[in-house]
Amino acid sequence: RELNEAGTTIMMVTHSPHDASYANRIINLFDGKVVTQKI
């Protein structure tokens, strides 16, 4: 989060909703496709 706030772009794969809560946007995949994107 600190690195991102300093200007670094971050893209993270995670199973954890808690870890995902640090992101500004969440993309959900299922069967190789984007099923939802939300701010």
PDB file of all heavy atoms in Angstrom:
ATOM      1  N   ARG A   1       0.829  -1.207   0.000  1.00  0.00           N
ATOM      2  CA  ARG A   1       0.000   0.000   0.000  1.00  0.00           C
ATOM      3  C   ARG A   1       0.866   1.262   0.000  1.00  0.00           C
ATOM      4  O   ARG A   1       0.611   2.207  -0.746  1.00  0.00           O
ATOM      5  CB  ARG A   1      -0.936  -0.014   1.214  1.00  0.00           C
ATOM      6  CG  ARG A   1      -1.598   1.329   1.526  1.00  0.00           C
ATOM      7  CD  ARG A   1      -2.439   1.883   0.389  1.00  0.00           C
ATOM      8  NE  ARG A   1      -3.588   1.051   0.136  1.00  0.00           N
ATOM      9  CZ  ARG A   1      -4.686   1.039   0.897  1.00  0.00           C
ATOM     10  NH1 ARG A   1      -4.778   1.829   1.940  1.00  0.00           N
ATOM     11  NH2 ARG A   1      -5.699   0.264   0.598  1.00  0.00           N
ATOM     12  N   GLU A   2       1.919   1.261   0.828  1.00  0.00           N
ATOM     13  CA  GLU A   2       2.803   2.420   0.891  1.00  0.00           C
ATOM     14  C   GLU A   2       3.498   2.663  -0.449  1.00  0.00           C
ATOM     15  O   GLU A   2       3.638   3.815  -0.892  1.00  0.00           O
ATOM     16  CB  GLU A   2       3.846   2.212   1.993  1.00  0.00           C
ATOM     17  CG  GLU A   2       3.279   2.310   3.404  1.00  0.00           C
ATOM     18  CD  GLU A   2       4.271   1.861   4.460  1.00  0.00           C
ATOM     19  OE1 GLU A   2       5.466   1.680   4.111  1.00  0.00           O
ATOM     20  OE2 GLU A   2       3.857   1.667   5.621  1.00  0.00           O
ATOM     21  N   LEU A   3       3.929   1.575  -1.102  1.00  0.00           N
ATOM     22  CA  LEU A   3       4.558   1.705  -2.413  1.00  0.00           C
ATOM     23  C   LEU A   3       3.576   2.288  -3.421  1.00  0.00           C
ATOM     24  O   LEU A   3       3.931   3.139  -4.243  1.00  0.00           O
ATOM     25  CB  LEU A   3       5.065   0.349  -2.895  1.00  0.00           C
ATOM     26  CG  LEU A   3       6.273  -0.216  -2.151  1.00  0.00           C
ATOM     27  CD1 LEU A   3       6.476  -1.689  -2.504  1.00  0.00           C
ATOM     28  CD2 LEU A   3       7.529   0.588  -2.472  1.00  0.00           C
ATOM     29  N   ASN A   4       2.328   1.826  -3.353  1.00  0.00           N
ATOM     30  CA  ASN A   4       1.308   2.341  -4.261  1.00  0.00           C
ATOM     31  C   ASN A   4       1.040   3.821  -3.994  1.00  0.00           C
ATOM     32  O   ASN A   4       0.909   4.615  -4.930  1.00  0.00           O
ATOM     33  CB  ASN A   4       0.032   1.523  -4.114  1.00  0.00           C
ATOM     34  CG  ASN A   4      -1.104   2.062  -4.955  1.00  0.00           C
ATOM     35  OD1 ASN A   4      -2.096   2.559  -4.431  1.00  0.00           O
ATOM     36  ND2 ASN A   4      -0.974   1.992  -6.267  1.00  0.00           N
ATOM     37  N   GLU A   5       0.961   4.197  -2.741  1.00  0.00           N
ATOM     38  CA  GLU A   5       0.710   5.592  -2.401  1.00  0.00           C
ATOM     39  C   GLU A   5       1.861   6.487  -2.856  1.00  0.00           C
ATOM     40  O   GLU A   5       1.667   7.680  -3.105  1.00  0.00           O
ATOM     41  CB  GLU A   5       0.477   5.733  -0.900  1.00  0.00           C
ATOM     42  CG  GLU A   5      -0.865   5.148  -0.446  1.00  0.00           C
ATOM     43  CD  GLU A   5      -1.045   5.197   1.050  1.00  0.00           C
ATOM     44  OE1 GLU A   5      -0.031   5.381   1.775  1.00  0.00           O
ATOM     45  OE2 GLU A   5      -2.192   5.027   1.512  1.00  0.00           O
ATOM     46  N   ALA A   6       3.065   5.891  -2.980  1.00  0.00           N
ATOM     47  CA  ALA A   6       4.222   6.647  -3.466  1.00  0.00           C
ATOM     48  C   ALA A   6       4.264   6.711  -4.987  1.00  0.00           C
ATOM     49  O   ALA A   6       5.167   7.327  -5.559  1.00  0.00           O
ATOM     50  CB  ALA A   6       5.511   6.025  -2.934  1.00  0.00           C
ATOM     51  N   GLY A   7       3.292   6.056  -5.654  1.00  0.00           N
ATOM     52  CA  GLY A   7       3.180   6.190  -7.096  1.00  0.00           C
ATOM     53  C   GLY A   7       3.382   4.931  -7.913  1.00  0.00           C
ATOM     54  O   GLY A   7       3.241   4.959  -9.139  1.00  0.00           O
ATOM     55  N   THR A   8       3.717   3.795  -7.267  1.00  0.00           N
ATOM     56  CA  THR A   8       3.947   2.551  -8.001  1.00  0.00           C
ATOM     57  C   THR A   8       2.626   1.876  -8.350  1.00  0.00           C
ATOM     58  O   THR A   8       1.755   1.729  -7.494  1.00  0.00           O
ATOM     59  CB  THR A   8       4.804   1.579  -7.166  1.00  0.00           C
ATOM     60  OG1 THR A   8       6.023   2.218  -6.804  1.00  0.00           O
ATOM     61  CG2 THR A   8       5.115   0.319  -7.954  1.00  0.00           C
ATOM     62  N   THR A   9       2.487   1.465  -9.591  1.00  0.00           N
ATOM     63  CA  THR A   9       1.313   0.722 -10.031  1.00  0.00           C
ATOM     64  C   THR A   9       1.462  -0.734  -9.600  1.00  0.00           C
ATOM     65  O   THR A   9       2.519  -1.334  -9.800  1.00  0.00           O
ATOM     66  CB  THR A   9       1.163   0.792 -11.563  1.00  0.00           C
ATOM     67  OG1 THR A   9       1.188   2.159 -11.966  1.00  0.00           O
ATOM     68  CG2 THR A   9      -0.133   0.138 -12.021  1.00  0.00           C
ATOM     69  N   ILE A  10       0.413  -1.294  -9.002  1.00  0.00           N
ATOM     70  CA  ILE A  10       0.474  -2.668  -8.494  1.00  0.00           C
ATOM     71  C   ILE A  10      -0.717  -3.462  -9.008  1.00  0.00           C
ATOM     72  O   ILE A  10      -1.855  -2.988  -8.974  1.00  0.00           O
ATOM     73  CB  ILE A  10       0.492  -2.699  -6.950  1.00  0.00           C
ATOM     74  CG1 ILE A  10       1.732  -1.979  -6.409  1.00  0.00           C
ATOM     75  CG2 ILE A  10       0.452  -4.142  -6.434  1.00  0.00           C
ATOM     76  CD1 ILE A  10       1.789  -1.872  -4.904  1.00  0.00           C
ATOM     77  N   MET A  11      -0.438  -4.665  -9.489  1.00  0.00           N
ATOM     78  CA  MET A  11      -1.489  -5.611  -9.841  1.00  0.00           C
ATOM     79  C   MET A  11      -1.210  -6.891  -9.071  1.00  0.00           C
ATOM     80  O   MET A  11      -0.127  -7.461  -9.174  1.00  0.00           O
ATOM     81  CB  MET A  11      -1.527  -5.867 -11.343  1.00  0.00           C
ATOM     82  CG  MET A  11      -2.792  -6.580 -11.782  1.00  0.00           C
ATOM     83  SD  MET A  11      -3.086  -6.351 -13.543  1.00  0.00           S
ATOM     84  CE  MET A  11      -4.720  -7.076 -13.686  1.00  0.00           C
ATOM     85  N   MET A  12      -2.186  -7.324  -8.296  1.00  0.00           N
ATOM     86  CA  MET A  12      -1.995  -8.430  -7.356  1.00  0.00           C
ATOM     87  C   MET A  12      -3.041  -9.515  -7.560  1.00  0.00           C
ATOM     88  O   MET A  12      -4.238  -9.234  -7.633  1.00  0.00           O
ATOM     89  CB  MET A  12      -2.077  -7.897  -5.921  1.00  0.00           C
ATOM     90  CG  MET A  12      -2.042  -8.959  -4.830  1.00  0.00           C
ATOM     91  SD  MET A  12      -2.233  -8.244  -3.172  1.00  0.00           S
ATOM     92  CE  MET A  12      -3.966  -7.706  -3.224  1.00  0.00           C
ATOM     93  N   VAL A  13      -2.595 -10.757  -7.642  1.00  0.00           N
ATOM     94  CA  VAL A  13      -3.483 -11.923  -7.631  1.00  0.00           C
ATOM     95  C   VAL A  13      -3.606 -12.394  -6.197  1.00  0.00           C
ATOM     96  O   VAL A  13      -2.605 -12.532  -5.484  1.00  0.00           O
ATOM     97  CB  VAL A  13      -2.906 -13.041  -8.523  1.00  0.00           C
ATOM     98  CG1 VAL A  13      -3.496 -14.389  -8.150  1.00  0.00           C
ATOM     99  CG2 VAL A  13      -3.164 -12.741  -9.983  1.00  0.00           C
ATOM    100  N   THR A  14      -4.836 -12.654  -5.751  1.00  0.00           N
ATOM    101  CA  THR A  14      -5.029 -13.110  -4.376  1.00  0.00           C
ATOM    102  C   THR A  14      -6.313 -13.915  -4.237  1.00  0.00           C
ATOM    103  O   THR A  14      -7.279 -13.700  -4.969  1.00  0.00           O
ATOM    104  CB  THR A  14      -5.058 -11.910  -3.392  1.00  0.00           C
ATOM    105  OG1 THR A  14      -5.227 -12.397  -2.058  1.00  0.00           O
ATOM    106  CG2 THR A  14      -6.190 -10.941  -3.717  1.00  0.00           C
ATOM    107  N   HIS A  15      -6.292 -14.864  -3.289  1.00  0.00           N
ATOM    108  CA  HIS A  15      -7.510 -15.571  -2.895  1.00  0.00           C
ATOM    109  C   HIS A  15      -8.197 -14.841  -1.736  1.00  0.00           C
ATOM    110  O   HIS A  15      -9.332 -15.150  -1.390  1.00  0.00           O
ATOM    111  CB  HIS A  15      -7.181 -16.994  -2.417  1.00  0.00           C
ATOM    112  CG  HIS A  15      -6.935 -17.965  -3.528  1.00  0.00           C
ATOM    113  ND1 HIS A  15      -5.658 -18.271  -3.972  1.00  0.00           N
ATOM    114  CD2 HIS A  15      -7.781 -18.698  -4.279  1.00  0.00           C
ATOM    115  CE1 HIS A  15      -5.750 -19.161  -4.954  1.00  0.00           C
ATOM    116  NE2 HIS A  15      -7.016 -19.434  -5.164  1.00  0.00           N
ATOM    117  N   SER A  16      -7.477 -13.906  -1.123  1.00  0.00           N
ATOM    118  CA  SER A  16      -7.904 -13.327   0.148  1.00  0.00           C
ATOM    119  C   SER A  16      -8.735 -12.053  -0.025  1.00  0.00           C
ATOM    120  O   SER A  16      -8.207 -11.037  -0.506  1.00  0.00           O
ATOM    121  CB  SER A  16      -6.662 -13.006   1.003  1.00  0.00           C
ATOM    122  OG  SER A  16      -6.994 -12.166   2.082  1.00  0.00           O
ATOM    123  N   PRO A  17      -9.996 -12.055   0.397  1.00  0.00           N
ATOM    124  CA  PRO A  17     -10.781 -10.814   0.367  1.00  0.00           C
ATOM    125  C   PRO A  17     -10.141  -9.715   1.213  1.00  0.00           C
ATOM    126  O   PRO A  17     -10.238  -8.530   0.874  1.00  0.00           O
ATOM    127  CB  PRO A  17     -12.139 -11.242   0.933  1.00  0.00           C
ATOM    128  CG  PRO A  17     -12.222 -12.711   0.674  1.00  0.00           C
ATOM    129  CD  PRO A  17     -10.805 -13.202   0.845  1.00  0.00           C
ATOM    130  N   HIS A  18      -9.487 -10.115   2.309  1.00  0.00           N
ATOM    131  CA  HIS A  18      -8.828  -9.125   3.164  1.00  0.00           C
ATOM    132  C   HIS A  18      -7.701  -8.428   2.401  1.00  0.00           C
ATOM    133  O   HIS A  18      -7.597  -7.192   2.420  1.00  0.00           O
ATOM    134  CB  HIS A  18      -8.275  -9.789   4.421  1.00  0.00           C
ATOM    135  CG  HIS A  18      -7.486  -8.847   5.297  1.00  0.00           C
ATOM    136  ND1 HIS A  18      -8.089  -7.881   6.065  1.00  0.00           N
ATOM    137  CD2 HIS A  18      -6.155  -8.703   5.487  1.00  0.00           C
ATOM    138  CE1 HIS A  18      -7.158  -7.188   6.710  1.00  0.00           C
ATOM    139  NE2 HIS A  18      -5.975  -7.669   6.374  1.00  0.00           N
ATOM    140  N   ASP A  19      -6.854  -9.218   1.716  1.00  0.00           N
ATOM    141  CA  ASP A  19      -5.774  -8.610   0.944  1.00  0.00           C
ATOM    142  C   ASP A  19      -6.335  -7.748  -0.186  1.00  0.00           C
ATOM    143  O   ASP A  19      -5.823  -6.660  -0.468  1.00  0.00           O
ATOM    144  CB  ASP A  19      -4.863  -9.692   0.364  1.00  0.00           C
ATOM    145  CG  ASP A  19      -3.991 -10.357   1.427  1.00  0.00           C
ATOM    146  OD1 ASP A  19      -4.106  -9.971   2.607  1.00  0.00           O
ATOM    147  OD2 ASP A  19      -3.219 -11.254   1.075  1.00  0.00           O
ATOM    148  N   ALA A  20      -7.395  -8.225  -0.819  1.00  0.00           N
ATOM    149  CA  ALA A  20      -8.012  -7.464  -1.908  1.00  0.00           C
ATOM    150  C   ALA A  20      -8.560  -6.130  -1.425  1.00  0.00           C
ATOM    151  O   ALA A  20      -8.665  -5.176  -2.208  1.00  0.00           O
ATOM    152  CB  ALA A  20      -9.121  -8.282  -2.556  1.00  0.00           C
ATOM    153  N   SER A  21      -8.877  -6.050  -0.131  1.00  0.00           N
ATOM    154  CA  SER A  21      -9.437  -4.803   0.400  1.00  0.00           C
ATOM    155  C   SER A  21      -8.434  -3.661   0.389  1.00  0.00           C
ATOM    156  O   SER A  21      -8.812  -2.500   0.548  1.00  0.00           O
ATOM    157  CB  SER A  21      -9.954  -5.030   1.830  1.00  0.00           C
ATOM    158  OG  SER A  21      -8.883  -5.191   2.755  1.00  0.00           O
ATOM    159  N   TYR A  22      -7.155  -3.976   0.183  1.00  0.00           N
ATOM    160  CA  TYR A  22      -6.131  -2.928   0.087  1.00  0.00           C
ATOM    161  C   TYR A  22      -6.123  -2.271  -1.293  1.00  0.00           C
ATOM    162  O   TYR A  22      -5.521  -1.223  -1.480  1.00  0.00           O
ATOM    163  CB  TYR A  22      -4.746  -3.520   0.360  1.00  0.00           C
ATOM    164  CG  TYR A  22      -4.438  -3.750   1.809  1.00  0.00           C
ATOM    165  CD1 TYR A  22      -4.927  -4.867   2.474  1.00  0.00           C
ATOM    166  CD2 TYR A  22      -3.657  -2.854   2.545  1.00  0.00           C
ATOM    167  CE1 TYR A  22      -4.635  -5.099   3.807  1.00  0.00           C
ATOM    168  CE2 TYR A  22      -3.362  -3.070   3.869  1.00  0.00           C
ATOM    169  CZ  TYR A  22      -3.860  -4.200   4.503  1.00  0.00           C
ATOM    170  OH  TYR A  22      -3.587  -4.411   5.823  1.00  0.00           O
ATOM    171  N   ALA A  23      -6.745  -2.924  -2.272  1.00  0.00           N
ATOM    172  CA  ALA A  23      -6.698  -2.436  -3.653  1.00  0.00           C
ATOM    173  C   ALA A  23      -7.767  -1.383  -3.901  1.00  0.00           C
ATOM    174  O   ALA A  23      -8.787  -1.322  -3.207  1.00  0.00           O
ATOM    175  CB  ALA A  23      -6.881  -3.608  -4.617  1.00  0.00           C
ATOM    176  N   ASN A  24      -7.536  -0.580  -4.924  1.00  0.00           N
ATOM    177  CA  ASN A  24      -8.513   0.437  -5.316  1.00  0.00           C
ATOM    178  C   ASN A  24      -9.567  -0.114  -6.270  1.00  0.00           C
ATOM    179  O   ASN A  24     -10.640   0.448  -6.412  1.00  0.00           O
ATOM    180  CB  ASN A  24      -7.805   1.611  -5.990  1.00  0.00           C
ATOM    181  CG  ASN A  24      -6.698   2.202  -5.124  1.00  0.00           C
ATOM    182  OD1 ASN A  24      -5.535   2.160  -5.498  1.00  0.00           O
ATOM    183  ND2 ASN A  24      -7.047   2.734  -3.981  1.00  0.00           N
ATOM    184  N   ARG A  25      -9.218  -1.245  -6.925  1.00  0.00           N
ATOM    185  CA  ARG A  25     -10.157  -1.870  -7.850  1.00  0.00           C
ATOM    186  C   ARG A  25     -10.002  -3.384  -7.765  1.00  0.00           C
ATOM    187  O   ARG A  25      -8.879  -3.890  -7.609  1.00  0.00           O
ATOM    188  CB  ARG A  25      -9.899  -1.380  -9.281  1.00  0.00           C
ATOM    189  CG  ARG A  25     -10.870  -1.938 -10.315  1.00  0.00           C
ATOM    190  CD  ARG A  25     -10.963  -1.025 -11.546  1.00  0.00           C
ATOM    191  NE  ARG A  25      -9.696  -0.784 -12.189  1.00  0.00           N
ATOM    192  CZ  ARG A  25      -9.302  -1.402 -13.325  1.00  0.00           C
ATOM    193  NH1 ARG A  25     -10.092  -2.292 -13.901  1.00  0.00           N
ATOM    194  NH2 ARG A  25      -8.147  -1.107 -13.869  1.00  0.00           N
ATOM    195  N   ILE A  26     -11.117  -4.093  -7.868  1.00  0.00           N
ATOM    196  CA  ILE A  26     -11.104  -5.549  -7.764  1.00  0.00           C
ATOM    197  C   ILE A  26     -11.716  -6.152  -9.020  1.00  0.00           C
ATOM    198  O   ILE A  26     -12.822  -5.789  -9.423  1.00  0.00           O
ATOM    199  CB  ILE A  26     -11.881  -6.023  -6.519  1.00  0.00           C
ATOM    200  CG1 ILE A  26     -11.247  -5.446  -5.240  1.00  0.00           C
ATOM    201  CG2 ILE A  26     -11.908  -7.557  -6.450  1.00  0.00           C
ATOM    202  CD1 ILE A  26     -12.059  -5.703  -3.975  1.00  0.00           C
ATOM    203  N   ILE A  27     -10.958  -7.062  -9.649  1.00  0.00           N
ATOM    204  CA  ILE A  27     -11.415  -7.784 -10.831  1.00  0.00           C
ATOM    205  C   ILE A  27     -11.619  -9.242 -10.451  1.00  0.00           C
ATOM    206  O   ILE A  27     -10.741  -9.855  -9.839  1.00  0.00           O
ATOM    207  CB  ILE A  27     -10.377  -7.685 -11.971  1.00  0.00           C
ATOM    208  CG1 ILE A  27     -10.217  -6.229 -12.419  1.00  0.00           C
ATOM    209  CG2 ILE A  27     -10.770  -8.569 -13.147  1.00  0.00           C
ATOM    210  CD1 ILE A  27      -9.077  -6.018 -13.404  1.00  0.00           C
ATOM    211  N   ASN A  28     -12.773  -9.807 -10.784  1.00  0.00           N
ATOM    212  CA  ASN A  28     -13.044 -11.208 -10.511  1.00  0.00           C
ATOM    213  C   ASN A  28     -13.023 -12.013 -11.801  1.00  0.00           C
ATOM    214  O   ASN A  28     -13.670 -11.642 -12.790  1.00  0.00           O
ATOM    215  CB  ASN A  28     -14.403 -11.368  -9.829  1.00  0.00           C
ATOM    216  CG  ASN A  28     -14.340 -11.063  -8.344  1.00  0.00           C
ATOM    217  OD1 ASN A  28     -13.892 -11.874  -7.547  1.00  0.00           O
ATOM    218  ND2 ASN A  28     -14.771  -9.868  -7.978  1.00  0.00           N
ATOM    219  N   LEU A  29     -12.261 -13.118 -11.786  1.00  0.00           N
ATOM    220  CA  LEU A  29     -12.197 -14.035 -12.922  1.00  0.00           C
ATOM    221  C   LEU A  29     -12.947 -15.322 -12.597  1.00  0.00           C
ATOM    222  O   LEU A  29     -12.977 -15.765 -11.452  1.00  0.00           O
ATOM    223  CB  LEU A  29     -10.749 -14.399 -13.263  1.00  0.00           C
ATOM    224  CG  LEU A  29      -9.766 -13.317 -13.701  1.00  0.00           C
ATOM    225  CD1 LEU A  29      -8.466 -13.966 -14.162  1.00  0.00           C
ATOM    226  CD2 LEU A  29     -10.336 -12.448 -14.790  1.00  0.00           C
ATOM    227  N   PHE A  30     -13.514 -15.924 -13.631  1.00  0.00           N
ATOM    228  CA  PHE A  30     -14.118 -17.255 -13.514  1.00  0.00           C
ATOM    229  C   PHE A  30     -14.031 -17.924 -14.876  1.00  0.00           C
ATOM    230  O   PHE A  30     -14.409 -17.332 -15.892  1.00  0.00           O
ATOM    231  CB  PHE A  30     -15.579 -17.162 -13.054  1.00  0.00           C
ATOM    232  CG  PHE A  30     -16.182 -18.508 -12.722  1.00  0.00           C
ATOM    233  CD1 PHE A  30     -15.858 -19.152 -11.543  1.00  0.00           C
ATOM    234  CD2 PHE A  30     -17.039 -19.133 -13.612  1.00  0.00           C
ATOM    235  CE1 PHE A  30     -16.390 -20.382 -11.233  1.00  0.00           C
ATOM    236  CE2 PHE A  30     -17.579 -20.373 -13.314  1.00  0.00           C
ATOM    237  CZ  PHE A  30     -17.257 -21.006 -12.121  1.00  0.00           C
ATOM    238  N   ASP A  31     -13.505 -19.140 -14.892  1.00  0.00           N
ATOM    239  CA  ASP A  31     -13.335 -19.887 -16.141  1.00  0.00           C
ATOM    240  C   ASP A  31     -12.610 -19.072 -17.212  1.00  0.00           C
ATOM    241  O   ASP A  31     -12.963 -19.088 -18.390  1.00  0.00           O
ATOM    242  CB  ASP A  31     -14.696 -20.339 -16.691  1.00  0.00           C
ATOM    243  CG  ASP A  31     -15.279 -21.502 -15.902  1.00  0.00           C
ATOM    244  OD1 ASP A  31     -14.528 -22.120 -15.113  1.00  0.00           O
ATOM    245  OD2 ASP A  31     -16.467 -21.805 -16.071  1.00  0.00           O
ATOM    246  N   GLY A  32     -11.593 -18.336 -16.765  1.00  0.00           N
ATOM    247  CA  GLY A  32     -10.757 -17.610 -17.709  1.00  0.00           C
ATOM    248  C   GLY A  32     -11.320 -16.306 -18.215  1.00  0.00           C
ATOM    249  O   GLY A  32     -10.743 -15.684 -19.119  1.00  0.00           O
ATOM    250  N   LYS A  33     -12.448 -15.875 -17.662  1.00  0.00           N
ATOM    251  CA  LYS A  33     -13.084 -14.639 -18.133  1.00  0.00           C
ATOM    252  C   LYS A  33     -13.283 -13.665 -16.976  1.00  0.00           C
ATOM    253  O   LYS A  33     -13.449 -14.069 -15.828  1.00  0.00           O
ATOM    254  CB  LYS A  33     -14.441 -14.945 -18.767  1.00  0.00           C
ATOM    255  CG  LYS A  33     -14.357 -15.766 -20.046  1.00  0.00           C
ATOM    256  CD  LYS A  33     -15.736 -15.889 -20.688  1.00  0.00           C
ATOM    257  CE  LYS A  33     -15.655 -16.609 -22.021  1.00  0.00           C
ATOM    258  NZ  LYS A  33     -16.962 -16.658 -22.720  1.00  0.00           N
ATOM    259  N   VAL A  34     -13.263 -12.371 -17.304  1.00  0.00           N
ATOM    260  CA  VAL A  34     -13.618 -11.354 -16.319  1.00  0.00           C
ATOM    261  C   VAL A  34     -15.128 -11.376 -16.135  1.00  0.00           C
ATOM    262  O   VAL A  34     -15.878 -11.182 -17.099  1.00  0.00           O
ATOM    263  CB  VAL A  34     -13.167  -9.954 -16.772  1.00  0.00           C
ATOM    264  CG1 VAL A  34     -13.672  -8.889 -15.807  1.00  0.00           C
ATOM    265  CG2 VAL A  34     -11.649  -9.895 -16.884  1.00  0.00           C
ATOM    266  N   VAL A  35     -15.583 -11.639 -14.899  1.00  0.00           N
ATOM    267  CA  VAL A  35     -17.030 -11.678 -14.651  1.00  0.00           C
ATOM    268  C   VAL A  35     -17.515 -10.414 -13.959  1.00  0.00           C
ATOM    269  O   VAL A  35     -18.665  -9.996 -14.160  1.00  0.00           O
ATOM    270  CB  VAL A  35     -17.430 -12.934 -13.847  1.00  0.00           C
ATOM    271  CG1 VAL A  35     -17.291 -14.176 -14.711  1.00  0.00           C
ATOM    272  CG2 VAL A  35     -16.608 -13.085 -12.571  1.00  0.00           C
ATOM    273  N   THR A  36     -16.658  -9.775 -13.155  1.00  0.00           N
ATOM    274  CA  THR A  36     -17.018  -8.493 -12.547  1.00  0.00           C
ATOM    275  C   THR A  36     -15.765  -7.632 -12.394  1.00  0.00           C
ATOM    276  O   THR A  36     -14.657  -8.141 -12.230  1.00  0.00           O
ATOM    277  CB  THR A  36     -17.657  -8.651 -11.148  1.00  0.00           C
ATOM    278  OG1 THR A  36     -16.718  -9.275 -10.250  1.00  0.00           O
ATOM    279  CG2 THR A  36     -18.945  -9.460 -11.211  1.00  0.00           C
ATOM    280  N   GLN A  37     -15.962  -6.326 -12.462  1.00  0.00           N
ATOM    281  CA  GLN A  37     -14.944  -5.346 -12.112  1.00  0.00           C
ATOM    282  C   GLN A  37     -15.617  -4.282 -11.266  1.00  0.00           C
ATOM    283  O   GLN A  37     -16.710  -3.832 -11.613  1.00  0.00           O
ATOM    284  CB  GLN A  37     -14.335  -4.684 -13.343  1.00  0.00           C
ATOM    285  CG  GLN A  37     -13.508  -5.568 -14.217  1.00  0.00           C
ATOM    286  CD  GLN A  37     -12.688  -4.762 -15.223  1.00  0.00           C
ATOM    287  OE1 GLN A  37     -11.902  -3.898 -14.836  1.00  0.00           O
ATOM    288  NE2 GLN A  37     -12.874  -5.038 -16.507  1.00  0.00           N
ATOM    289  N   LYS A  38     -15.005  -3.897 -10.181  1.00  0.00           N
ATOM    290  CA  LYS A  38     -15.622  -2.849  -9.365  1.00  0.00           C
ATOM    291  C   LYS A  38     -14.559  -1.993  -8.694  1.00  0.00           C
ATOM    292  O   LYS A  38     -13.484  -2.456  -8.343  1.00  0.00           O
ATOM    293  CB  LYS A  38     -16.549  -3.452  -8.314  1.00  0.00           C
ATOM    294  CG  LYS A  38     -15.847  -4.278  -7.240  1.00  0.00           C
ATOM    295  CD  LYS A  38     -16.837  -4.739  -6.166  1.00  0.00           C
ATOM    296  CE  LYS A  38     -16.122  -5.498  -5.049  1.00  0.00           C
ATOM    297  NZ  LYS A  38     -17.057  -5.926  -3.982  1.00  0.00           N
ATOM    298  N   ILE A  39     -14.879  -0.729  -8.551  1.00  0.00           N
ATOM    299  CA  ILE A  39     -14.052   0.182  -7.765  1.00  0.00           C
ATOM    300  C   ILE A  39     -14.276  -0.143  -6.296  1.00  0.00           C
ATOM    301  O   ILE A  39     -15.415  -0.313  -5.840  1.00  0.00           O
ATOM    302  CB  ILE A  39     -14.418   1.651  -8.042  1.00  0.00           C
ATOM    303  CG1 ILE A  39     -14.256   1.974  -9.525  1.00  0.00           C
ATOM    304  CG2 ILE A  39     -13.582   2.587  -7.181  1.00  0.00           C
ATOM    305  CD1 ILE A  39     -12.839   1.837 -10.036  1.00  0.00           C
TER     306      ILE A  39
END
